[in-house]
Amino acid sequence: MSSMPAQTVFEPSPDDSRILAAMDAQERLGAAMMGLDLPSVEALMAPGLVVHAPINAVVSRENVLARLRSGQISYEPDVVRSISFAGVRGDTVVLMGEEIVTPNRDAPNAGKIVHRRFTDIWTDAGGAWRLTVRQATNTSVG
């Protein structure tokens, strides 16, 4: 496995308002998930959200919300996320990088440190950025 780039690659630029809005929405979604603020989580997820989840299954928005409610998606607050690529593609923003999480409660790998690669695709829905597609793959568990 190659090492991550030292800096984030931004296309077209690190101050592009669309990239900044999507990165802000990603942070708000993470905080809402940690705080089990389900109305905020739902508002930040597109109705047709599809996720290739770290459980090695493609799941719907409803599945993600149900697993969040049941504690099957739950992390310690020390989540580390680094973005290696942030780019505008048409009417979407693509964010790619690595997350380091420690699942808890009833989540798979609870108590272990999990490294994963992710790709999030955010779409502007009338001024509100919503997660439309997510891929997350665990790369190591220890």
Foldseek 3Di string as FASTA:
>chain_A
DDDFDPDADEVPDPPPPQLVQVVVLVVQLVVCLAVVVVVSVVLQADQAAWECDQVRDIDGPVVVNVCSVVLQAYWDPPKDWDWRYWYDDPQKIKTKTKIWTARDDNHPLHRKIWIKIKIWIWGQDPNRIHTRYMYIHTPDID
